[in-house]
Amino acid sequence: MRPSPVPSSRRTWLRAALVALPCAALLIGAVPWLQRKRAQAAAANLPVHGSLPRFELTDQTGRPFSDADLKGHLVVADFFFTRCPTVCPLLTERMLRVQRQARARGLDLRLVSFSVDPRHDTPERLTAYARDHHIDTATWSLLTGPLEQVETTVLEGFRVMMGRDADAGDDDFFSIFHGEHFVLVDARGQLRGYYKVTGDDTGMEALLHDAEVLAHARD
């Protein structure tokens, strides 16, 4: 017995399906490419404020830490000192939020905090500060070193203010001042944004958004 012929309408449907399947596969494969292209276009619109400065300092464990340890990673930098009773605890709390939210979004983000009071902030004091503020130092480093190197890195490299009143004594920590912005650095070592995070959440949201843009632009 001969098999029943396939109705012409069904043959037409089968041919259409055979054509549509490769097209659908191509479209699905194109989605990540299109997303990356959009992210690259958005990343290109972010300003470039300069390059990550070269530095050789010391982290909270007493080990050498340099700009080379940050290359190839998205980085958020801030500036603080452990004796600060005013804005620094708030900056640290904001950095903790950045660390948590970056992990929730799957971002490979490194955090680095530069002490602007390096003569007082020894590695031991930085370690105690990290412990007291529940800082996860797996992806967050606290840095100190010779005052001249820190000043060069912060003032000339990151272009963030720091200093202390000339007439103040070493124990007068209220005379120490520094910038309060977070700085976003891309994986190529370019400074891509400064974010005020001490007011409402606008700066935090902008920082995380731009970090996601930069991350997706290189996926």
N, C-alpha and C. Protein backbone atom coordinates (compact mmCIF):
# COMPACT_ATOMS: atom_id res chain seq x y z
N MET A 1 0.86 -1.20 0.00
CA MET A 1 0.00 0.00 0.00
C MET A 1 0.89 1.24 0.00
N ARG A 2 0.56 2.13 -0.90
CA ARG A 2 1.37 3.35 -0.95
C ARG A 2 0.99 4.28 0.23
N PRO A 3 2.02 4.96 0.77
CA PRO A 3 1.71 5.91 1.85
C PRO A 3 0.87 7.04 1.30
N SER A 4 0.01 7.56 2.16
CA SER A 4 -0.84 8.66 1.74
C SER A 4 0.01 9.89 1.47
N PRO A 5 -0.27 10.59 0.39
CA PRO A 5 0.51 11.79 0.10
C PRO A 5 0.28 12.86 1.15
N VAL A 6 1.35 13.65 1.41
CA VAL A 6 1.24 14.75 2.37
C VAL A 6 0.46 15.87 1.72
N PRO A 7 -0.58 16.36 2.35
CA PRO A 7 -1.36 17.44 1.76
C PRO A 7 -0.47 18.63 1.41
N SER A 8 -0.85 19.32 0.37
CA SER A 8 -0.02 20.45 -0.09
C SER A 8 0.10 21.53 0.97
N SER A 9 -0.96 21.76 1.74
CA SER A 9 -0.90 22.80 2.78
C SER A 9 0.11 22.44 3.85
N ARG A 10 0.20 21.14 4.16
CA ARG A 10 1.17 20.70 5.16
C ARG A 10 2.58 20.79 4.63
N ARG A 11 2.73 20.45 3.32
CA ARG A 11 4.07 20.58 2.73
C ARG A 11 4.53 22.02 2.76
N THR A 12 3.62 22.92 2.48
CA THR A 12 3.96 24.35 2.52
C THR A 12 4.39 24.76 3.92
N TRP A 13 3.65 24.25 4.94
CA TRP A 13 3.98 24.58 6.33
C TRP A 13 5.35 24.04 6.71
N LEU A 14 5.64 22.81 6.27
CA LEU A 14 6.94 22.21 6.59
C LEU A 14 8.08 22.98 5.95
N ARG A 15 7.87 23.38 4.67
CA ARG A 15 8.93 24.16 4.02
C ARG A 15 9.15 25.48 4.74
N ALA A 16 8.07 26.12 5.14
CA ALA A 16 8.19 27.40 5.87
C ALA A 16 8.92 27.20 7.20
N ALA A 17 8.62 26.08 7.87
CA ALA A 17 9.28 25.82 9.15
C ALA A 17 10.75 25.58 8.96
N LEU A 18 11.10 24.83 7.91
CA LEU A 18 12.52 24.55 7.65
C LEU A 18 13.28 25.83 7.34
N VAL A 19 12.63 26.77 6.70
CA VAL A 19 13.28 28.06 6.42
C VAL A 19 13.34 28.92 7.67
N ALA A 20 12.28 28.87 8.48
CA ALA A 20 12.18 29.75 9.64
C ALA A 20 13.14 29.35 10.76
N LEU A 21 13.38 28.03 10.92
CA LEU A 21 14.23 27.60 12.02
C LEU A 21 15.63 28.19 11.96
N PRO A 22 16.35 28.11 10.82
CA PRO A 22 17.67 28.74 10.78
C PRO A 22 17.62 30.24 11.00
N CYS A 23 16.57 30.89 10.48
CA CYS A 23 16.43 32.34 10.67
C CYS A 23 16.26 32.67 12.15
N ALA A 24 15.44 31.85 12.84
CA ALA A 24 15.23 32.09 14.27
C ALA A 24 16.53 31.90 15.04
N ALA A 25 17.29 30.87 14.65
CA ALA A 25 18.56 30.63 15.33
C ALA A 25 19.52 31.80 15.12
N LEU A 26 19.51 32.34 13.90
CA LEU A 26 20.37 33.50 13.63
C LEU A 26 19.95 34.69 14.47
N LEU A 27 18.64 34.91 14.59
CA LEU A 27 18.15 36.04 15.38
C LEU A 27 18.51 35.89 16.85
N ILE A 28 18.34 34.66 17.37
CA ILE A 28 18.68 34.41 18.77
C ILE A 28 20.17 34.64 19.00
N GLY A 29 20.99 34.18 18.07
CA GLY A 29 22.43 34.38 18.20
C GLY A 29 22.84 35.83 18.07
N ALA A 30 22.01 36.61 17.38
CA ALA A 30 22.35 38.02 17.17
C ALA A 30 22.03 38.88 18.38
N VAL A 31 21.16 38.39 19.27
CA VAL A 31 20.74 39.21 20.41
C VAL A 31 21.92 39.64 21.28
N PRO A 32 22.81 38.71 21.73
CA PRO A 32 23.96 39.16 22.53
C PRO A 32 24.84 40.15 21.78
N TRP A 33 25.01 39.93 20.48
CA TRP A 33 25.84 40.84 19.67
C TRP A 33 25.23 42.22 19.65
N LEU A 34 23.90 42.30 19.47
CA LEU A 34 23.23 43.60 19.46
C LEU A 34 23.31 44.27 20.83
N GLN A 35 23.15 43.48 21.88
CA GLN A 35 23.25 44.04 23.22
C GLN A 35 24.64 44.60 23.48
N ARG A 36 25.66 43.85 23.04
CA ARG A 36 27.02 44.33 23.24
C ARG A 36 27.28 45.60 22.45
N LYS A 37 26.75 45.66 21.21
CA LYS A 37 26.92 46.85 20.39
C LYS A 37 26.26 48.06 21.04
N ARG A 38 25.07 47.86 21.60
CA ARG A 38 24.40 48.97 22.29
C ARG A 38 25.20 49.41 23.51
N ALA A 39 25.73 48.43 24.25
CA ALA A 39 26.53 48.76 25.43
C ALA A 39 27.81 49.49 25.03
N GLN A 40 28.43 49.07 23.93
CA GLN A 40 29.64 49.74 23.47
C GLN A 40 29.35 51.18 23.07
N ALA A 41 28.19 51.40 22.43
CA ALA A 41 27.81 52.77 22.06
C ALA A 41 27.57 53.62 23.30
N ALA A 42 26.90 53.02 24.31
CA ALA A 42 26.66 53.76 25.55
C ALA A 42 27.96 54.03 26.28
N ALA A 43 28.88 53.05 26.28
CA ALA A 43 30.17 53.23 26.94
C ALA A 43 30.99 54.33 26.27
N ALA A 44 30.88 54.41 24.95
CA ALA A 44 31.63 55.43 24.22
C ALA A 44 31.15 56.83 24.58
N ASN A 45 29.92 56.96 25.06
CA ASN A 45 29.39 58.26 25.45
C ASN A 45 29.82 58.69 26.84
N LEU A 46 30.37 57.76 27.62
CA LEU A 46 30.87 58.13 28.94
C LEU A 46 32.17 58.91 28.78
N PRO A 47 32.37 59.95 29.57
CA PRO A 47 33.59 60.75 29.43
C PRO A 47 34.83 59.98 29.87
N VAL A 48 35.97 60.41 29.39
CA VAL A 48 37.27 59.90 29.83
C VAL A 48 38.01 61.07 30.49
N HIS A 49 38.26 60.94 31.79
CA HIS A 49 38.86 62.03 32.55
C HIS A 49 40.38 61.89 32.72
N GLY A 50 40.93 60.83 32.19
CA GLY A 50 42.35 60.59 32.35
C GLY A 50 42.60 59.10 32.54
N SER A 51 43.78 58.78 33.01
CA SER A 51 44.17 57.38 33.18
C SER A 51 44.45 57.08 34.65
N LEU A 52 44.23 55.83 35.01
CA LEU A 52 44.58 55.38 36.35
C LEU A 52 46.04 55.68 36.61
N PRO A 53 46.36 56.39 37.70
CA PRO A 53 47.76 56.74 37.95
C PRO A 53 48.59 55.52 38.33
N ARG A 54 49.84 55.59 38.02
CA ARG A 54 50.75 54.55 38.50
C ARG A 54 51.07 54.83 39.97
N PHE A 55 51.02 53.78 40.76
CA PHE A 55 51.32 53.94 42.18
C PHE A 55 51.83 52.63 42.73
N GLU A 56 52.58 52.72 43.81
CA GLU A 56 53.05 51.56 44.55
C GLU A 56 52.85 51.85 46.03
N LEU A 57 51.81 51.25 46.60
CA LEU A 57 51.46 51.49 47.98
C LEU A 57 51.40 50.15 48.73
N THR A 58 50.73 50.15 49.86
CA THR A 58 50.66 48.95 50.71
C THR A 58 49.21 48.73 51.11
N ASP A 59 48.74 47.47 51.06
CA ASP A 59 47.35 47.23 51.44
C ASP A 59 47.25 46.89 52.93
N GLN A 60 46.06 46.56 53.36
CA GLN A 60 45.79 46.34 54.78
C GLN A 60 46.51 45.12 55.34
N THR A 61 47.01 44.26 54.50
CA THR A 61 47.76 43.09 54.97
C THR A 61 49.26 43.37 55.07
N GLY A 62 49.67 44.54 54.63
CA GLY A 62 51.10 44.88 54.62
C GLY A 62 51.79 44.50 53.33
N ARG A 63 51.05 43.98 52.36
CA ARG A 63 51.63 43.57 51.08
C ARG A 63 51.66 44.74 50.10
N PRO A 64 52.64 44.73 49.19
CA PRO A 64 52.66 45.77 48.15
C PRO A 64 51.41 45.69 47.28
N PHE A 65 50.92 46.84 46.89
CA PHE A 65 49.73 46.92 46.04
C PHE A 65 49.95 48.08 45.08
N SER A 66 49.80 47.80 43.80
CA SER A 66 50.05 48.84 42.79
C SER A 66 48.90 48.90 41.80
N ASP A 67 48.99 49.86 40.87
CA ASP A 67 47.97 49.99 39.83
C ASP A 67 47.88 48.72 38.98
N ALA A 68 48.95 47.96 38.90
CA ALA A 68 48.94 46.72 38.11
C ALA A 68 47.94 45.72 38.66
N ASP A 69 47.66 45.78 39.98
CA ASP A 69 46.70 44.86 40.59
C ASP A 69 45.26 45.16 40.18
N LEU A 70 45.05 46.32 39.55
CA LEU A 70 43.70 46.71 39.17
C LEU A 70 43.45 46.61 37.67
N LYS A 71 44.50 46.46 36.90
CA LYS A 71 44.34 46.43 35.45
C LYS A 71 43.50 45.23 35.03
N GLY A 72 42.63 45.46 34.06
CA GLY A 72 41.76 44.41 33.57
C GLY A 72 40.47 44.26 34.34
N HIS A 73 40.27 45.11 35.36
CA HIS A 73 39.05 45.06 36.18
C HIS A 73 38.37 46.41 36.18
N LEU A 74 37.05 46.39 36.31
CA LEU A 74 36.34 47.61 36.67
C LEU A 74 36.68 47.94 38.11
N VAL A 75 36.89 49.22 38.39
CA VAL A 75 37.35 49.64 39.71
C VAL A 75 36.52 50.83 40.19
N VAL A 76 36.18 50.81 41.47
CA VAL A 76 35.62 51.98 42.13
C VAL A 76 36.58 52.38 43.24
N ALA A 77 37.01 53.64 43.22
CA ALA A 77 37.96 54.14 44.21
C ALA A 77 37.29 55.20 45.07
N ASP A 78 37.69 55.23 46.35
CA ASP A 78 37.28 56.34 47.21
C ASP A 78 38.43 56.71 48.14
N PHE A 79 38.23 57.74 48.96
CA PHE A 79 39.30 58.35 49.73
C PHE A 79 38.76 58.63 51.13
N PHE A 80 39.51 58.20 52.14
CA PHE A 80 39.00 58.21 53.51
C PHE A 80 40.17 58.22 54.48
N PHE A 81 39.87 58.21 55.79
CA PHE A 81 40.89 57.90 56.79
C PHE A 81 40.19 57.34 58.02
N THR A 82 40.88 56.49 58.74
CA THR A 82 40.22 55.68 59.76
C THR A 82 39.80 56.50 60.98
N ARG A 83 40.45 57.66 61.24
CA ARG A 83 40.07 58.48 62.39
C ARG A 83 38.89 59.40 62.09
N CYS A 84 38.45 59.44 60.87
CA CYS A 84 37.40 60.37 60.44
C CYS A 84 36.08 60.05 61.15
N PRO A 85 35.53 60.99 61.90
CA PRO A 85 34.26 60.73 62.61
C PRO A 85 33.04 61.26 61.87
N THR A 86 33.24 61.86 60.70
CA THR A 86 32.14 62.54 60.03
C THR A 86 31.70 61.78 58.78
N VAL A 87 32.27 62.13 57.62
CA VAL A 87 31.75 61.60 56.36
C VAL A 87 32.29 60.21 56.02
N CYS A 88 33.47 59.85 56.52
CA CYS A 88 34.09 58.58 56.12
C CYS A 88 33.26 57.35 56.46
N PRO A 89 32.65 57.27 57.64
CA PRO A 89 31.78 56.10 57.88
C PRO A 89 30.65 56.00 56.86
N LEU A 90 30.12 57.14 56.42
CA LEU A 90 29.07 57.12 55.40
C LEU A 90 29.64 56.64 54.07
N LEU A 91 30.84 57.11 53.69
CA LEU A 91 31.46 56.65 52.44
C LEU A 91 31.70 55.14 52.48
N THR A 92 32.14 54.65 53.62
CA THR A 92 32.38 53.21 53.75
C THR A 92 31.07 52.44 53.62
N GLU A 93 30.01 52.95 54.22
CA GLU A 93 28.70 52.28 54.09
C GLU A 93 28.25 52.25 52.64
N ARG A 94 28.51 53.35 51.92
CA ARG A 94 28.14 53.40 50.50
C ARG A 94 28.97 52.42 49.68
N MET A 95 30.24 52.30 50.01
CA MET A 95 31.08 51.33 49.30
C MET A 95 30.62 49.90 49.58
N LEU A 96 30.20 49.64 50.80
CA LEU A 96 29.66 48.33 51.11
C LEU A 96 28.43 48.03 50.25
N ARG A 97 27.59 49.03 50.04
CA ARG A 97 26.42 48.85 49.18
C ARG A 97 26.84 48.59 47.74
N VAL A 98 27.84 49.32 47.27
CA VAL A 98 28.34 49.09 45.92
C VAL A 98 28.82 47.66 45.78
N GLN A 99 29.57 47.17 46.75
CA GLN A 99 30.10 45.81 46.69
C GLN A 99 28.96 44.79 46.64
N ARG A 100 27.95 44.96 47.50
CA ARG A 100 26.82 44.01 47.53
C ARG A 100 26.03 44.05 46.22
N GLN A 101 25.72 45.25 45.75
CA GLN A 101 24.90 45.35 44.55
C GLN A 101 25.65 44.91 43.30
N ALA A 102 26.95 45.15 43.27
CA ALA A 102 27.75 44.68 42.13
C ALA A 102 27.72 43.17 42.06
N ARG A 103 27.84 42.51 43.19
CA ARG A 103 27.79 41.05 43.21
C ARG A 103 26.41 40.55 42.79
N ALA A 104 25.36 41.23 43.25
CA ALA A 104 24.01 40.82 42.88
C ALA A 104 23.79 40.94 41.38
N ARG A 105 24.49 41.88 40.74
CA ARG A 105 24.34 42.09 39.29
C ARG A 105 25.37 41.31 38.48
N GLY A 106 26.20 40.55 39.17
CA GLY A 106 27.20 39.74 38.47
C GLY A 106 28.35 40.53 37.90
N LEU A 107 28.67 41.68 38.52
CA LEU A 107 29.75 42.52 38.01
C LEU A 107 31.07 42.16 38.69
N ASP A 108 32.11 42.03 37.87
CA ASP A 108 33.47 41.83 38.40
C ASP A 108 34.02 43.21 38.74
N LEU A 109 33.78 43.65 39.98
CA LEU A 109 34.14 45.01 40.39
C LEU A 109 35.13 44.95 41.54
N ARG A 110 36.22 45.68 41.41
CA ARG A 110 37.19 45.79 42.49
C ARG A 110 37.04 47.15 43.16
N LEU A 111 37.13 47.17 44.48
CA LEU A 111 37.03 48.40 45.24
C LEU A 111 38.38 48.70 45.88
N VAL A 112 38.72 49.99 45.93
CA VAL A 112 39.99 50.38 46.54
C VAL A 112 39.78 51.71 47.27
N SER A 113 40.22 51.75 48.53
CA SER A 113 40.08 52.94 49.35
C SER A 113 41.47 53.44 49.73
N PHE A 114 41.74 54.70 49.40
CA PHE A 114 43.04 55.30 49.68
C PHE A 114 42.95 56.12 50.96
N SER A 115 43.81 55.82 51.92
CA SER A 115 43.85 56.62 53.14
C SER A 115 44.55 57.95 52.85
N VAL A 116 43.89 59.04 53.23
CA VAL A 116 44.50 60.37 53.08
C VAL A 116 45.20 60.78 54.37
N ASP A 117 45.31 59.86 55.31
CA ASP A 117 46.03 60.07 56.58
C ASP A 117 47.02 58.93 56.75
N PRO A 118 47.91 58.72 55.76
CA PRO A 118 48.72 57.50 55.76
C PRO A 118 49.74 57.41 56.89
N ARG A 119 50.14 58.55 57.46
CA ARG A 119 51.10 58.49 58.57
C ARG A 119 50.48 57.83 59.80
N HIS A 120 49.18 57.97 59.94
CA HIS A 120 48.49 57.33 61.06
C HIS A 120 47.95 55.96 60.66
N ASP A 121 47.45 55.85 59.43
CA ASP A 121 46.77 54.63 58.99
C ASP A 121 47.77 53.56 58.52
N THR A 122 48.30 52.84 59.48
CA THR A 122 49.18 51.72 59.20
C THR A 122 48.35 50.55 58.68
N PRO A 123 48.99 49.53 58.11
CA PRO A 123 48.23 48.33 57.71
C PRO A 123 47.43 47.73 58.86
N GLU A 124 48.00 47.76 60.06
CA GLU A 124 47.29 47.20 61.21
C GLU A 124 46.01 47.97 61.49
N ARG A 125 46.07 49.30 61.37
CA ARG A 125 44.87 50.11 61.61
C ARG A 125 43.85 49.90 60.49
N LEU A 126 44.33 49.72 59.26
CA LEU A 126 43.41 49.46 58.16
C LEU A 126 42.73 48.10 58.35
N THR A 127 43.47 47.12 58.83
CA THR A 127 42.89 45.80 59.09
C THR A 127 41.81 45.89 60.15
N ALA A 128 42.08 46.65 61.22
CA ALA A 128 41.09 46.83 62.28
C ALA A 128 39.85 47.55 61.75
N TYR A 129 40.07 48.54 60.91
CA TYR A 129 38.95 49.28 60.31
C TYR A 129 38.09 48.35 59.45
N ALA A 130 38.75 47.54 58.65
CA ALA A 130 38.02 46.59 57.80
C ALA A 130 37.21 45.63 58.66
N ARG A 131 37.80 45.16 59.74
CA ARG A 131 37.09 44.23 60.63
C ARG A 131 35.89 44.92 61.29
N ASP A 132 36.10 46.13 61.79
CA ASP A 132 35.04 46.84 62.50
C ASP A 132 33.88 47.21 61.59
N HIS A 133 34.15 47.39 60.29
CA HIS A 133 33.10 47.79 59.36
C HIS A 133 32.63 46.63 58.48
N HIS A 134 33.06 45.43 58.84
CA HIS A 134 32.61 44.22 58.13
C HIS A 134 32.90 44.29 56.63
N ILE A 135 34.09 44.74 56.29
CA ILE A 135 34.51 44.87 54.90
C ILE A 135 35.05 43.54 54.40
N ASP A 136 34.55 43.09 53.28
CA ASP A 136 35.05 41.87 52.63
C ASP A 136 36.25 42.27 51.76
N THR A 137 37.44 41.97 52.23
CA THR A 137 38.65 42.40 51.54
C THR A 137 39.04 41.46 50.39
N ALA A 138 38.17 40.51 50.06
CA ALA A 138 38.47 39.66 48.90
C ALA A 138 38.50 40.48 47.62
N THR A 139 37.63 41.50 47.55
CA THR A 139 37.59 42.35 46.36
C THR A 139 37.70 43.83 46.71
N TRP A 140 38.09 44.11 47.95
CA TRP A 140 38.17 45.52 48.40
C TRP A 140 39.47 45.69 49.18
N SER A 141 40.32 46.56 48.68
CA SER A 141 41.62 46.80 49.31
C SER A 141 41.67 48.19 49.90
N LEU A 142 42.27 48.30 51.09
CA LEU A 142 42.48 49.58 51.76
C LEU A 142 43.97 49.87 51.70
N LEU A 143 44.34 51.07 51.22
CA LEU A 143 45.73 51.34 50.90
C LEU A 143 46.32 52.48 51.72
N THR A 144 47.59 52.34 52.01
CA THR A 144 48.36 53.36 52.69
C THR A 144 49.77 53.37 52.11
N GLY A 145 50.62 54.25 52.63
CA GLY A 145 51.99 54.32 52.11
C GLY A 145 52.59 55.67 52.45
N PRO A 146 53.76 55.98 51.90
CA PRO A 146 54.38 57.28 52.15
C PRO A 146 53.44 58.42 51.72
N LEU A 147 53.38 59.46 52.54
CA LEU A 147 52.46 60.56 52.28
C LEU A 147 52.67 61.16 50.89
N GLU A 148 53.92 61.32 50.49
CA GLU A 148 54.19 61.94 49.19
C GLU A 148 53.62 61.11 48.05
N GLN A 149 53.73 59.79 48.15
CA GLN A 149 53.19 58.92 47.10
C GLN A 149 51.67 58.94 47.09
N VAL A 150 51.08 58.97 48.26
CA VAL A 150 49.62 59.04 48.34
C VAL A 150 49.14 60.36 47.73
N GLU A 151 49.78 61.46 48.08
CA GLU A 151 49.38 62.76 47.54
C GLU A 151 49.50 62.79 46.03
N THR A 152 50.58 62.26 45.51
CA THR A 152 50.76 62.24 44.05
C THR A 152 49.65 61.41 43.39
N THR A 153 49.34 60.27 43.98
CA THR A 153 48.31 59.39 43.43
C THR A 153 46.94 60.04 43.46
N VAL A 154 46.59 60.62 44.59
CA VAL A 154 45.25 61.17 44.77
C VAL A 154 45.09 62.51 44.05
N LEU A 155 46.03 63.42 44.27
CA LEU A 155 45.90 64.77 43.72
C LEU A 155 46.16 64.81 42.22
N GLU A 156 47.26 64.23 41.79
CA GLU A 156 47.64 64.33 40.39
C GLU A 156 47.04 63.20 39.54
N GLY A 157 46.89 62.04 40.15
CA GLY A 157 46.39 60.89 39.39
C GLY A 157 44.88 60.87 39.29
N PHE A 158 44.22 60.80 40.45
CA PHE A 158 42.76 60.76 40.47
C PHE A 158 42.12 62.14 40.38
N ARG A 159 42.93 63.17 40.59
CA ARG A 159 42.43 64.55 40.54
C ARG A 159 41.36 64.80 41.58
N VAL A 160 41.63 64.27 42.76
CA VAL A 160 40.74 64.43 43.91
C VAL A 160 41.50 65.18 44.99
N MET A 161 40.84 66.11 45.66
CA MET A 161 41.53 66.91 46.67
C MET A 161 41.81 66.11 47.93
N MET A 162 42.89 66.46 48.60
CA MET A 162 43.21 65.94 49.92
C MET A 162 44.22 66.89 50.55
N GLY A 163 44.30 66.90 51.86
CA GLY A 163 45.26 67.75 52.55
C GLY A 163 44.86 67.94 53.99
N ARG A 164 45.56 68.86 54.65
CA ARG A 164 45.22 69.22 56.02
C ARG A 164 45.66 70.65 56.25
N ASP A 165 45.05 71.29 57.24
CA ASP A 165 45.41 72.67 57.55
C ASP A 165 46.88 72.74 57.95
N ALA A 166 47.57 73.73 57.41
CA ALA A 166 49.02 73.81 57.62
C ALA A 166 49.39 74.00 59.08
N ASP A 167 48.57 74.67 59.85
CA ASP A 167 48.91 74.97 61.25
C ASP A 167 48.44 73.90 62.22
N ALA A 168 47.82 72.86 61.72
CA ALA A 168 47.25 71.84 62.60
C ALA A 168 48.32 70.84 63.04
N GLY A 169 48.17 70.32 64.23
CA GLY A 169 49.07 69.28 64.72
C GLY A 169 48.67 67.91 64.21
N ASP A 170 49.55 66.93 64.40
CA ASP A 170 49.28 65.59 63.89
C ASP A 170 48.05 64.96 64.53
N ASP A 171 47.72 65.37 65.75
CA ASP A 171 46.58 64.78 66.44
C ASP A 171 45.25 65.44 66.08
N ASP A 172 45.32 66.53 65.34
CA ASP A 172 44.11 67.26 64.98
C ASP A 172 43.53 66.68 63.69
N PHE A 173 42.82 65.56 63.81
CA PHE A 173 42.30 64.92 62.60
C PHE A 173 41.14 65.68 61.98
N PHE A 174 40.56 66.64 62.74
CA PHE A 174 39.49 67.45 62.14
C PHE A 174 40.04 68.40 61.09
N SER A 175 41.36 68.56 61.04
CA SER A 175 41.97 69.46 60.04
C SER A 175 42.20 68.75 58.71
N ILE A 176 41.99 67.44 58.65
CA ILE A 176 42.20 66.68 57.42
C ILE A 176 40.97 66.81 56.53
N PHE A 177 41.19 67.05 55.25
CA PHE A 177 40.07 67.15 54.31
C PHE A 177 40.39 66.33 53.06
N HIS A 178 39.33 65.94 52.36
CA HIS A 178 39.51 65.12 51.16
C HIS A 178 38.22 65.12 50.35
N GLY A 179 38.33 64.72 49.08
CA GLY A 179 37.16 64.62 48.22
C GLY A 179 36.26 63.48 48.63
N GLU A 180 34.97 63.65 48.35
CA GLU A 180 33.97 62.67 48.78
C GLU A 180 33.36 61.91 47.61
N HIS A 181 33.85 62.12 46.40
CA HIS A 181 33.30 61.43 45.24
C HIS A 181 33.91 60.03 45.10
N PHE A 182 33.11 59.10 44.57
CA PHE A 182 33.63 57.82 44.12
C PHE A 182 34.09 57.99 42.67
N VAL A 183 35.14 57.28 42.31
CA VAL A 183 35.69 57.35 40.96
C VAL A 183 35.57 55.98 40.30
N LEU A 184 35.01 55.96 39.10
CA LEU A 184 34.86 54.71 38.34
C LEU A 184 35.97 54.62 37.31
N VAL A 185 36.66 53.49 37.30
CA VAL A 185 37.77 53.25 36.38
C VAL A 185 37.42 52.02 35.54
N ASP A 186 37.58 52.11 34.22
CA ASP A 186 37.25 50.97 33.38
C ASP A 186 38.40 49.97 33.32
N ALA A 187 38.19 48.86 32.64
CA ALA A 187 39.17 47.77 32.60
C ALA A 187 40.44 48.16 31.84
N ARG A 188 40.39 49.23 31.07
CA ARG A 188 41.57 49.72 30.36
C ARG A 188 42.34 50.74 31.18
N GLY A 189 41.87 51.00 32.41
CA GLY A 189 42.57 51.94 33.27
C GLY A 189 42.23 53.39 33.01
N GLN A 190 41.04 53.65 32.45
CA GLN A 190 40.63 55.02 32.19
C GLN A 190 39.62 55.48 33.24
N LEU A 191 39.76 56.71 33.70
CA LEU A 191 38.83 57.28 34.66
C LEU A 191 37.56 57.70 33.92
N ARG A 192 36.44 57.07 34.25
CA ARG A 192 35.22 57.26 33.45
C ARG A 192 34.12 58.04 34.16
N GLY A 193 34.27 58.32 35.45
CA GLY A 193 33.21 59.09 36.09
C GLY A 193 33.50 59.38 37.55
N TYR A 194 32.95 60.51 38.03
CA TYR A 194 33.01 60.92 39.43
C TYR A 194 31.57 61.01 39.93
N TYR A 195 31.30 60.42 41.09
CA TYR A 195 29.92 60.28 41.55
C TYR A 195 29.79 60.75 43.00
N LYS A 196 28.90 61.69 43.21
CA LYS A 196 28.61 62.14 44.56
C LYS A 196 27.63 61.16 45.20
N VAL A 197 28.03 60.56 46.29
CA VAL A 197 27.23 59.48 46.89
C VAL A 197 26.76 59.81 48.30
N THR A 198 27.03 61.02 48.75
CA THR A 198 26.69 61.37 50.13
C THR A 198 25.31 62.00 50.27
N GLY A 199 24.62 62.23 49.16
CA GLY A 199 23.27 62.77 49.23
C GLY A 199 22.24 61.66 49.09
N ASP A 200 21.37 61.82 48.10
CA ASP A 200 20.38 60.76 47.85
C ASP A 200 21.04 59.64 47.05
N ASP A 201 20.22 58.73 46.52
CA ASP A 201 20.76 57.57 45.84
C ASP A 201 21.07 57.81 44.36
N THR A 202 20.92 59.05 43.89
CA THR A 202 21.12 59.33 42.47
C THR A 202 22.54 58.97 42.03
N GLY A 203 23.52 59.38 42.81
CA GLY A 203 24.92 59.10 42.46
C GLY A 203 25.22 57.62 42.47
N MET A 204 24.69 56.90 43.46
CA MET A 204 24.91 55.46 43.53
C MET A 204 24.31 54.75 42.33
N GLU A 205 23.09 55.15 41.97
CA GLU A 205 22.42 54.52 40.83
C GLU A 205 23.17 54.80 39.54
N ALA A 206 23.66 56.03 39.38
CA ALA A 206 24.42 56.38 38.18
C ALA A 206 25.72 55.58 38.11
N LEU A 207 26.39 55.43 39.24
CA LEU A 207 27.63 54.66 39.29
C LEU A 207 27.41 53.22 38.87
N LEU A 208 26.41 52.56 39.44
CA LEU A 208 26.16 51.16 39.13
C LEU A 208 25.69 50.99 37.69
N HIS A 209 24.90 51.94 37.21
CA HIS A 209 24.46 51.88 35.81
C HIS A 209 25.65 51.96 34.87
N ASP A 210 26.54 52.93 35.12
CA ASP A 210 27.70 53.09 34.24
C ASP A 210 28.65 51.90 34.34
N ALA A 211 28.78 51.33 35.53
CA ALA A 211 29.61 50.14 35.68
C ALA A 211 29.05 48.98 34.87
N GLU A 212 27.73 48.82 34.87
CA GLU A 212 27.10 47.76 34.07
C GLU A 212 27.32 48.01 32.58
N VAL A 213 27.19 49.26 32.15
CA VAL A 213 27.43 49.60 30.74
C VAL A 213 28.84 49.20 30.32
N LEU A 214 29.82 49.56 31.13
CA LEU A 214 31.21 49.24 30.81
C LEU A 214 31.45 47.73 30.82
N ALA A 215 30.82 47.03 31.76
CA ALA A 215 30.99 45.58 31.84
C ALA A 215 30.41 44.90 30.61
N HIS A 216 29.20 45.30 30.19
CA HIS A 216 28.55 44.67 29.04
C HIS A 216 29.23 45.05 27.73
N ALA A 217 29.90 46.18 27.71
CA ALA A 217 30.57 46.61 26.47
C ALA A 217 31.75 45.73 26.15
N ARG A 218 32.27 44.99 27.14
CA ARG A 218 33.43 44.14 26.89
C ARG A 218 33.11 42.67 27.01
N ASP A 219 31.85 42.30 27.24
CA ASP A 219 31.45 40.87 27.33
C ASP A 219 31.63 40.18 25.97
